[in-house]
Amino acid sequence: MSIFQKITTQLAAWANDATILNVNTFTGSLSAEINAADGNIDDWIALLDSAKNNGNVQLVAATKVYIDGDQDNFYATDISPKLHEIHNEAVDAGLEVRHGFVRLAKELF
């Protein structure tokens, strides 16, 4: 695969990913062994999957924002005001980043 094909493939993947903003907020406890020398956790999905056997994790809020402005939202009935606020701030931050990418793309093209 040529470098141009790789770049095109990456741009297509980014464009597909950029059409939906997903924000999930979890609470609970999790016990996992982290093998990274620096302590970083790169694969949150795998870590959350391990919670099925090693913890107690609950989804308390989820938001999907589509490129056309439509949204799907979920909030647990017992979500605390603080977790609600944290989730909404994460959604706002994600939207700000997406808007920044759109502005950058406009400038480049």
Protein backbone atom coordinates (compact mmCIF):
# COMPACT_ATOMS: atom_id res chain seq x y z
CA MET A 1 0.00 0.00 0.00
CA SER A 2 1.41 3.36 -1.01
CA ILE A 3 1.76 6.25 1.43
CA PHE A 4 -1.02 8.07 -0.44
CA GLN A 5 -3.34 5.08 -0.02
CA LYS A 6 -2.47 4.89 3.69
CA ILE A 7 -3.21 8.58 4.17
CA THR A 8 -6.48 8.27 2.24
CA THR A 9 -7.50 5.26 4.33
CA GLN A 10 -6.68 7.10 7.56
CA LEU A 11 -8.60 10.20 6.45
CA ALA A 12 -11.62 8.08 5.54
CA ALA A 13 -11.51 6.38 8.95
CA TRP A 14 -11.19 9.75 10.69
CA ALA A 15 -14.08 11.20 8.68
CA ASN A 16 -16.27 8.23 9.59
CA ASP A 17 -15.32 8.54 13.26
CA ALA A 18 -15.88 12.30 13.18
CA THR A 19 -19.54 11.95 12.23
CA ILE A 20 -20.60 10.78 15.71
CA LEU A 21 -19.40 12.00 19.09
CA ASN A 22 -19.76 9.31 21.77
CA VAL A 23 -19.41 10.15 25.45
CA ASN A 24 -19.98 7.51 28.13
CA THR A 25 -19.72 8.12 31.86
CA PHE A 26 -19.20 5.18 34.18
CA THR A 27 -19.03 4.81 37.93
CA GLY A 28 -18.15 1.92 40.18
CA SER A 29 -15.09 -0.05 41.11
CA LEU A 30 -12.62 -1.90 38.94
CA SER A 31 -9.71 -4.14 39.73
CA ALA A 32 -7.25 -4.65 36.89
CA GLU A 33 -3.58 -5.38 36.48
CA ILE A 34 -1.85 -2.69 34.45
CA ASN A 35 1.26 -3.98 32.74
CA ALA A 36 2.41 -0.77 31.10
CA ALA A 37 5.74 0.40 32.51
CA ASP A 38 4.52 4.00 32.69
CA GLY A 39 1.11 3.13 34.14
CA ASN A 40 -0.84 4.46 31.14
CA ILE A 41 -4.02 2.72 30.13
CA ASP A 42 -4.48 2.89 26.36
CA ASP A 43 -7.32 0.43 25.90
CA TRP A 44 -10.23 1.54 28.07
CA ILE A 45 -12.64 -0.77 26.25
CA ALA A 46 -10.59 -3.85 27.18
CA LEU A 47 -10.28 -2.56 30.72
CA LEU A 48 -14.04 -2.05 31.01
CA ASP A 49 -14.62 -5.50 29.52
CA SER A 50 -12.43 -6.94 32.25
CA ALA A 51 -14.73 -5.27 34.79
CA LYS A 52 -17.30 -7.96 34.02
CA ASN A 53 -15.09 -10.33 35.99
CA ASN A 54 -13.06 -7.96 38.16
CA GLY A 55 -15.31 -5.14 39.25
CA ASN A 56 -18.64 -3.44 39.44
CA VAL A 57 -19.03 -0.75 36.77
CA GLN A 58 -22.27 0.97 35.84
CA LEU A 59 -23.01 3.24 32.91
CA VAL A 60 -24.65 6.35 34.40
CA ALA A 61 -24.75 8.58 31.31
CA ALA A 62 -24.29 8.18 27.57
CA THR A 63 -24.56 10.70 24.77
CA LYS A 64 -24.27 10.33 21.01
CA VAL A 65 -24.20 13.53 18.99
CA TYR A 66 -24.60 13.04 15.25
CA ILE A 67 -23.11 15.34 12.64
CA ASP A 68 -26.58 16.65 11.75
CA GLY A 69 -27.18 17.72 15.36
CA ASP A 70 -29.42 14.84 16.41
CA GLN A 71 -28.65 13.36 19.82
CA ASP A 72 -29.29 10.18 21.75
CA ASN A 73 -28.99 10.63 25.52
CA PHE A 74 -29.19 8.27 28.46
CA TYR A 75 -29.02 9.25 32.12
CA ALA A 76 -29.48 6.74 34.93
CA THR A 77 -32.40 7.67 37.14
CA ASP A 78 -30.11 7.89 40.16
CA ILE A 79 -27.22 9.82 38.57
CA SER A 80 -25.70 12.29 40.98
CA PRO A 81 -25.70 15.99 40.08
CA LYS A 82 -21.87 15.93 40.05
CA LEU A 83 -21.65 13.01 37.59
CA HIS A 84 -24.32 14.68 35.44
CA GLU A 85 -22.23 17.85 35.38
CA ILE A 86 -19.02 15.92 34.59
CA HIS A 87 -20.74 14.10 31.73
CA ASN A 88 -22.14 17.30 30.24
CA GLU A 89 -18.72 18.98 30.46
CA ALA A 90 -17.19 16.01 28.61
CA VAL A 91 -19.84 16.33 25.88
CA ASP A 92 -19.14 20.07 25.59
CA ALA A 93 -15.38 19.44 25.38
CA GLY A 94 -15.88 16.80 22.70
CA LEU A 95 -18.05 19.15 20.67
CA GLU A 96 -15.46 21.91 20.99
CA VAL A 97 -12.76 19.59 19.64
CA ARG A 98 -15.00 18.54 16.74
CA HIS A 99 -15.72 22.17 15.89
CA GLY A 100 -11.98 22.85 15.94
CA PHE A 101 -11.37 20.05 13.45
CA VAL A 102 -14.07 21.43 11.17
CA ARG A 103 -12.52 24.92 11.30
CA LEU A 104 -9.09 23.45 10.54
CA ALA A 105 -10.45 21.43 7.63
CA LYS A 106 -12.10 24.55 6.21
CA GLU A 107 -8.81 26.45 6.42
CA LEU A 108 -6.86 23.64 4.76
CA PHE A 109 -9.28 23.16 1.89
